[in-house]
Protein backbone atom coordinates (compact mmCIF):
# COMPACT_ATOMS: atom_id res chain seq x y z
CA MET A 1 -14.70 45.34 -30.49
CA SER A 2 -15.93 45.19 -34.06
CA ALA A 3 -13.77 44.01 -36.93
CA ALA A 4 -13.88 43.69 -40.69
CA ILE A 5 -13.32 40.03 -41.56
CA LEU A 6 -12.69 38.03 -44.72
CA ILE A 7 -12.79 34.22 -44.86
CA ASP A 8 -11.12 32.94 -48.01
CA GLY A 9 -11.51 36.42 -49.41
CA GLN A 10 -15.25 36.78 -48.74
CA PRO A 11 -17.23 38.41 -45.91
CA PRO A 12 -18.50 35.72 -43.49
CA LEU A 13 -22.08 37.00 -43.80
CA GLU A 14 -22.27 35.08 -47.04
CA GLU A 15 -23.56 31.69 -45.94
CA ALA A 16 -21.36 29.78 -48.35
CA ARG A 17 -18.24 31.25 -46.74
CA ALA A 18 -19.26 30.64 -43.10
CA LEU A 19 -16.83 28.82 -40.81
CA HIS A 20 -17.20 25.07 -41.30
CA ALA A 21 -18.14 23.10 -38.18
CA SER A 22 -15.23 20.70 -38.77
CA GLU A 23 -12.60 23.45 -39.13
CA ARG A 24 -9.36 22.05 -37.66
CA GLY A 25 -8.16 25.43 -36.46
CA PHE A 26 -11.28 25.58 -34.29
CA HIS A 27 -11.13 21.96 -33.07
CA TYR A 28 -7.38 21.52 -32.52
CA GLY A 29 -5.62 24.84 -32.93
CA ASP A 30 -4.22 23.36 -36.14
CA GLY A 31 -2.81 26.44 -37.81
CA VAL A 32 -0.78 29.62 -37.50
CA PHE A 33 -1.49 33.32 -37.18
CA GLU A 34 0.03 36.79 -37.46
CA THR A 35 -0.88 40.10 -35.81
CA ALA A 36 0.46 43.33 -37.27
CA LEU A 37 0.11 47.07 -36.91
CA VAL A 38 -1.44 49.12 -39.72
CA ARG A 39 -0.57 52.79 -40.16
CA ASP A 40 -1.85 54.98 -42.98
CA GLU A 41 -3.10 51.95 -44.95
CA ARG A 42 0.27 50.19 -44.72
CA VAL A 43 1.04 47.06 -42.70
CA ARG A 44 4.27 47.53 -40.79
CA PHE A 45 6.89 44.89 -41.57
CA LEU A 46 4.44 43.04 -43.84
CA ASP A 47 7.13 41.03 -45.63
CA ASP A 48 8.44 39.71 -42.32
CA HIS A 49 4.95 38.77 -41.16
CA LEU A 50 4.15 36.94 -44.38
CA SER A 51 7.52 35.17 -44.36
CA ARG A 52 6.98 33.97 -40.78
CA LEU A 53 3.46 32.83 -41.68
CA ALA A 54 4.81 30.80 -44.61
CA HIS A 55 7.54 29.33 -42.40
CA GLY A 56 4.97 28.33 -39.78
CA CYS A 57 2.79 26.69 -42.41
CA LYS A 58 5.78 24.76 -43.75
CA SER A 59 6.74 23.60 -40.26
CA LEU A 60 3.21 22.26 -39.71
CA ASN A 61 2.99 20.84 -43.24
CA ILE A 62 0.11 23.15 -44.13
CA GLN A 63 -0.12 24.57 -47.64
CA ALA A 64 0.44 28.30 -47.21
CA PRO A 65 -1.84 30.67 -49.14
CA ARG A 66 -0.15 32.36 -52.04
CA ARG A 67 1.37 35.67 -50.97
CA ALA A 68 -0.45 37.57 -53.73
CA VAL A 69 -3.79 36.22 -52.48
CA LEU A 70 -3.06 37.30 -48.92
CA GLN A 71 -1.87 40.69 -50.10
CA ALA A 72 -5.13 41.19 -51.99
CA ASP A 73 -7.15 40.40 -48.84
CA ILE A 74 -4.94 42.72 -46.78
CA ALA A 75 -5.23 45.56 -49.30
CA ARG A 76 -9.01 45.21 -49.29
CA LEU A 77 -9.20 45.66 -45.53
CA SER A 78 -6.41 48.19 -45.06
CA THR A 79 -7.61 50.68 -47.68
CA GLY A 80 -8.77 53.75 -45.84
CA CYS A 81 -7.43 52.49 -42.49
CA ALA A 82 -5.43 55.17 -40.70
CA MET A 83 -4.65 52.96 -37.68
CA GLY A 84 -5.62 49.36 -37.06
CA ILE A 85 -4.56 45.87 -36.11
CA LEU A 86 -4.40 43.22 -38.82
CA LYS A 87 -4.82 39.56 -37.94
CA ILE A 88 -4.18 36.70 -40.35
CA ILE A 89 -5.08 33.11 -39.47
CA VAL A 90 -4.35 30.08 -41.62
CA SER A 91 -6.04 26.88 -40.51
CA ARG A 92 -5.44 23.48 -42.04
CA GLY A 93 -9.11 23.62 -43.04
CA ALA A 94 -12.14 21.41 -42.56
CA GLY A 95 -11.48 17.73 -41.96
CA THR A 96 -12.75 14.50 -40.54
CA ARG A 97 -13.00 13.89 -36.80
CA GLY A 98 -9.76 12.96 -35.02
CA TYR A 99 -6.28 14.36 -34.64
CA ARG A 100 -4.81 12.88 -37.82
CA PRO A 101 -5.05 15.33 -40.73
CA ASP A 102 -7.10 14.08 -43.66
CA ALA A 103 -4.75 13.10 -46.46
CA HIS A 104 -7.39 14.21 -48.97
CA ALA A 105 -8.37 17.45 -47.23
CA GLY A 106 -9.14 20.48 -49.33
CA GLU A 107 -7.52 23.90 -49.27
CA PRO A 108 -6.50 25.47 -45.96
CA THR A 109 -8.79 28.21 -44.69
CA ARG A 110 -7.48 31.75 -44.43
CA PHE A 111 -8.96 34.40 -42.18
CA VAL A 112 -7.96 38.05 -42.50
CA ALA A 113 -9.41 40.60 -40.08
CA MET A 114 -8.88 44.28 -39.30
CA TYR A 115 -9.50 45.44 -35.74
CA PRO A 116 -9.58 48.98 -34.35
CA ALA A 117 -6.25 50.24 -33.06
CA LEU A 118 -5.46 49.87 -29.36
CA PRO A 119 -5.71 52.99 -27.19
CA ARG A 120 -2.42 54.85 -27.19
CA ALA A 121 -0.39 53.64 -24.22
CA PRO A 122 1.47 56.09 -21.96
CA ALA A 123 5.09 56.61 -23.00
CA ARG A 124 6.46 55.90 -19.52
CA PRO A 125 8.28 52.62 -18.76
CA ILE A 126 6.11 49.69 -17.74
CA ARG A 127 5.90 47.28 -14.80
CA LEU A 128 6.16 43.50 -15.23
CA ARG A 129 5.35 40.50 -13.06
CA TRP A 130 6.33 36.84 -13.06
CA CYS A 131 3.71 34.38 -14.29
CA GLU A 132 3.13 31.09 -12.50
CA THR A 133 2.09 29.38 -15.75
CA ARG A 134 5.08 27.78 -17.48
CA LEU A 135 5.70 27.24 -21.19
CA SER A 136 6.16 23.65 -22.33
CA ARG A 137 9.33 22.73 -24.18
CA ASN A 138 8.83 21.42 -27.71
CA ALA A 139 11.64 22.16 -30.15
CA ARG A 140 9.41 21.11 -33.08
CA LEU A 141 7.10 24.06 -32.39
CA ALA A 142 9.69 26.53 -31.09
CA GLY A 143 9.55 29.91 -32.81
CA ILE A 144 6.25 29.25 -34.60
CA LYS A 145 3.23 31.45 -33.94
CA HIS A 146 0.79 28.54 -33.91
CA LEU A 147 -2.82 28.69 -32.77
CA ASN A 148 -2.25 26.81 -29.49
CA ARG A 149 -2.09 29.74 -27.05
CA LEU A 150 -3.65 28.25 -23.89
CA GLU A 151 -0.47 28.77 -21.87
CA GLN A 152 -0.55 32.49 -22.66
CA VAL A 153 -4.29 32.65 -21.95
CA LEU A 154 -3.77 31.10 -18.50
CA ALA A 155 -0.78 33.35 -17.81
CA GLN A 156 -2.65 36.56 -18.63
CA ALA A 157 -5.57 35.40 -16.47
CA GLU A 158 -3.29 35.46 -13.43
CA TRP A 159 -3.55 39.21 -12.80
CA ARG A 160 -6.08 42.03 -13.04
CA ASP A 161 -3.87 44.87 -11.84
CA ASP A 162 -3.87 47.65 -14.45
CA ARG A 163 -0.50 48.81 -13.11
CA ILE A 164 1.08 45.61 -14.50
CA ALA A 165 1.47 45.82 -18.28
CA GLU A 166 2.95 42.38 -19.00
CA GLY A 167 3.95 39.10 -17.38
CA LEU A 168 7.21 37.22 -17.90
CA MET A 169 7.10 33.48 -18.55
CA LEU A 170 9.60 30.73 -17.81
CA ASP A 171 9.62 27.30 -19.42
CA THR A 172 9.11 24.08 -17.49
CA GLU A 173 12.85 23.95 -16.70
CA GLY A 174 12.92 27.48 -15.30
CA GLU A 175 14.54 29.21 -18.28
CA LEU A 176 13.39 32.72 -19.18
CA VAL A 177 11.48 32.69 -22.48
CA SER A 178 9.40 35.81 -23.06
CA GLY A 179 6.45 37.87 -21.99
CA THR A 180 2.94 36.54 -22.51
CA ALA A 181 2.71 38.57 -25.74
CA SER A 182 6.20 39.96 -26.17
CA ASN A 183 9.88 39.16 -26.48
CA ILE A 184 12.35 40.42 -23.91
CA PHE A 185 15.78 42.07 -24.19
CA LEU A 186 18.20 42.99 -21.43
CA LEU A 187 21.37 45.08 -21.53
CA ARG A 188 24.50 43.80 -19.77
CA ASP A 189 27.92 45.42 -20.11
CA GLY A 190 26.84 47.27 -23.24
CA MET A 191 25.54 44.12 -24.97
CA LEU A 192 21.91 43.20 -25.62
CA ALA A 193 20.83 39.67 -24.75
CA THR A 194 17.57 37.93 -25.61
CA PRO A 195 16.44 34.31 -25.05
CA ASP A 196 17.38 32.01 -27.93
CA LEU A 197 13.93 30.35 -28.03
CA ARG A 198 15.39 26.97 -28.96
CA PHE A 199 12.74 25.06 -26.96
CA CYS A 200 9.65 27.30 -27.02
CA GLY A 201 8.43 30.85 -27.56
CA VAL A 202 7.69 32.92 -30.65
CA GLN A 203 10.32 34.42 -32.96
CA GLY A 204 8.75 37.87 -32.89
CA VAL A 205 8.77 40.14 -35.93
CA MET A 206 9.65 43.14 -33.77
CA ARG A 207 12.32 41.05 -32.05
CA ALA A 208 13.98 40.48 -35.44
CA GLN A 209 13.69 44.18 -36.28
CA VAL A 210 15.37 45.11 -33.00
CA ILE A 211 18.25 42.69 -33.61
CA ARG A 212 18.84 44.18 -37.08
CA ALA A 213 18.47 47.78 -35.89
CA ALA A 214 20.84 47.22 -32.96
CA ALA A 215 23.50 45.89 -35.34
CA GLY A 216 23.08 49.05 -37.41
CA LEU A 217 23.68 51.14 -34.28
CA GLY A 218 26.80 49.17 -33.41
CA ILE A 219 25.16 47.45 -30.44
CA ALA A 220 26.09 43.78 -30.10
CA VAL A 221 23.22 41.33 -29.63
CA VAL A 222 23.46 37.76 -28.39
CA GLU A 223 20.70 35.14 -28.47
CA GLU A 224 21.40 32.73 -25.62
CA PRO A 225 19.79 30.82 -22.75
CA LEU A 226 18.73 33.28 -20.04
CA TRP A 227 17.53 32.70 -16.49
CA PRO A 228 15.73 34.87 -13.94
CA HIS A 229 18.99 35.79 -12.21
CA ASP A 230 20.26 37.36 -15.45
CA LEU A 231 17.74 40.16 -14.97
CA GLU A 232 19.45 41.07 -11.72
CA GLN A 233 22.61 41.87 -13.70
CA ALA A 234 20.84 43.96 -16.34
CA SER A 235 21.24 47.73 -16.53
CA GLU A 236 18.25 48.08 -18.88
CA VAL A 237 15.30 45.88 -19.83
CA PHE A 238 12.66 46.25 -22.54
CA VAL A 239 10.00 44.12 -24.21
CA THR A 240 8.95 44.09 -27.86
CA ASN A 241 5.77 43.37 -29.78
CA ALA A 242 4.78 44.06 -33.40
CA VAL A 243 1.66 45.99 -32.35
CA ARG A 244 2.88 47.79 -29.23
CA GLY A 245 6.45 48.30 -30.40
CA ILE A 246 9.30 48.65 -27.89
CA ARG A 247 8.41 49.24 -24.24
CA PRO A 248 11.10 50.01 -21.66
CA VAL A 249 10.67 48.27 -18.31
CA GLN A 250 10.96 50.04 -14.98
CA ALA A 251 10.08 47.30 -12.49
CA LEU A 252 9.75 43.55 -11.99
CA GLY A 253 8.95 42.56 -8.43
CA ASN A 254 11.73 44.08 -6.30
CA LEU A 255 13.94 44.82 -9.32
CA ARG A 256 14.07 48.38 -10.64
CA TRP A 257 15.60 49.92 -13.78
CA SER A 258 15.90 53.61 -14.58
CA GLU A 259 17.98 53.36 -17.76
CA THR A 260 16.09 53.49 -21.10
CA THR A 261 18.79 54.80 -23.46
CA VAL A 262 19.08 51.78 -25.77
CA ALA A 263 15.33 51.24 -25.93
CA CYS A 264 14.79 54.90 -26.85
CA ARG A 265 17.46 54.76 -29.56
CA LEU A 266 15.84 51.69 -31.06
CA LYS A 267 12.37 53.20 -30.82
CA LYS A 268 13.59 56.21 -32.77
CA VAL A 269 15.17 54.10 -35.49
CA LEU A 270 12.15 51.81 -35.82
CA GLU A 271 9.56 54.57 -35.33
CA CYS A 272 7.65 52.61 -32.72
């Protein structure tokens, strides 16, 4: 899959802008990233993506690129793009060998890329599975979309069945966290519940949009610890992702759901 890429605002074919061999994002996953949907030259929920990127940089003590600089890179790649997937990566930059960041390191490195849009997925509800791979608890990194994604890589490698669209992940204590690349919501007694992500997981941009949109529709939402057995009590389940939007769930193992009313209402409001 080809992509248009800028590294610090320049195409990587220019030798001076090539990825440095000591880039910390490459060596240690020392950085953060964002993935967003582009429609008609506009990045959906761009402000939220850039705010989360800045928050992630602050949490890792990385100097975030100026928003105007990122917006210029994004505009350069999104011009003329009817549909695409934008990816932004901010790495701490090149440094000396070893885990400890160089106190005298230069500017962080920013990567901005535009990928072709994903094939349009069928509108029908999806099937999920449980993943054996668990997410490690680390409150310091909870909510951040950092570059260390090996747990998700291992989880998605667990199945090759095209009938399964996503896998659900628990943390090391057995708490429900999220999908491999999505957040999860379930409806119980007219109230939406989603994991609070206090120990691990990503505070998804679409997750935040859903919480705001639900409030506007008069649907109560609670962020709280959830466990596998909570799904057994749910009348409706859906997963969210900034690129794929809101996807109602029809099955997880032996569990089945036929209700999609809340998910469809939210999809209409958020146009996803």
